[in-house]
Structure formats: structure tokens, C-alpha cells
């Protein structure tokens, strides 16, 4: 595409994002997927505080996928100040895609201070994506939550962080009633090379649920090939 046509396209998208019609703004956001981050981000920021929740949610998510240096401070602000907990959860999730370890501190604050479990869940997943050992204590604390989905997120994230101190803590979920929690455990143990991990995986490979058994076998193979 010539630069003239491209500039015209960007101009058209920009005009659509200014439309009073929310469908126009949604269509414009979808069309940004083919643009480079440098082209897309200034346009995404036009609707980052949109009155329409669906548009705000899409814009926040898009910042995680089309990230530039401008994205981190915007997502950090939203995570800290947004009233809607779904949007805060979106911001926490998007921060995990930035691969920017400045996100660890705001994500930890959200994990410890936010009262909504969905925000804490998104923060835990993103802390796992970042793989920073500073998240260890928060993720261990999440294992004591009453929310099963937080257990799953924390177990998966602890596997990504890779600190072997967590093995004894997560092994208590080997007999969890929730099969997805057992699957997350098997997957995490595949990143945590030690005798206890292998022993637990040899137990989980006999699990009655086929997805748990398959995850355990894959993890055993993973540890053998590393």
C-alpha cells in the first residue's frame, strides 16, 4: 500500500473513532489489527476513556497487543483509578503482554489491594507472564484464597516464575476436587525440575481425568528433554 493510501486509511479510522455511533467506533477499533503498534496506539488512545464499556474494554486489550512505550503508564493509570472492575481486570491482563517488568509493582498492588477477585485473577496471570520472582509471595498467598480460579492462576504463574520453593506449597493441590486445578499443577511442575515434581507427576499421570493425565505425561517428557 502506498503511503498516501495508508495515510488516508489512518485518517478514515481516526474519523470513525470520533463518530457518535458506537458501532462505528467498534468497527474502527477492529480495523486497527493490521496496523503497526506505532500507527495503532495513538488511535486506540482516542477511545481509551470511551463512555461505552465494550469499546473501553477492547481499547485496553488492544494496548496489550499493540504495545509501545506509551502503553504502560496508561494501563497503570486505568488499573489504579478505573471504577469498573471489568476494565481494571482488562488492564491487569493487558499488562502481562507488555513484557515490561515495570508492571510488576502495579500488578502486585492490584493483587493485594483490589477487592474484586477477577482483578486479582488477571493480576496473578500477568505476574506469571512476566515471570518475575518479586511476585512469589503474592502468588503463594493466592493459594489460600477461597476462589478456585485464583488457585489455578497462581499455580500456573508459580510455574512460570520457576522458583523451586513453591513445589511443597502447590503439591497440596494434587488431590484437588477440581480437575482443572490438577491440570494446572501438572503443567506447572513441568517447569519446576526436582525430585518432588517428578514424583508428583508420576502420580498425576494416573489421574482419572484424561486432560490431567495428558498434561502430566507432557510435563514428564518436558523435564526429561530439558
Foldseek 3Di string as FASTA:
>chain_A
DDPVVVVVLLVCLLVLCVDPDVVSVVVSLVVCPPPALVSRLVSLVSCCVPPDPVSVLSSLLVCLVRDDPVNVVSLLCCLPDPPDVSSVLSSLLSLLSVLDVVSLVSLLCCLVPPPDVSSVLSSLQSLLSNLACVCVVSLLVQCPDPDPSSLLSSLLSCLSVQDLVCLVSLLVCCPPPDVSSLLSNLQSLLSHDDPSSLVSLVVQLPDPDPSSVVSSVVSNVSNVVD
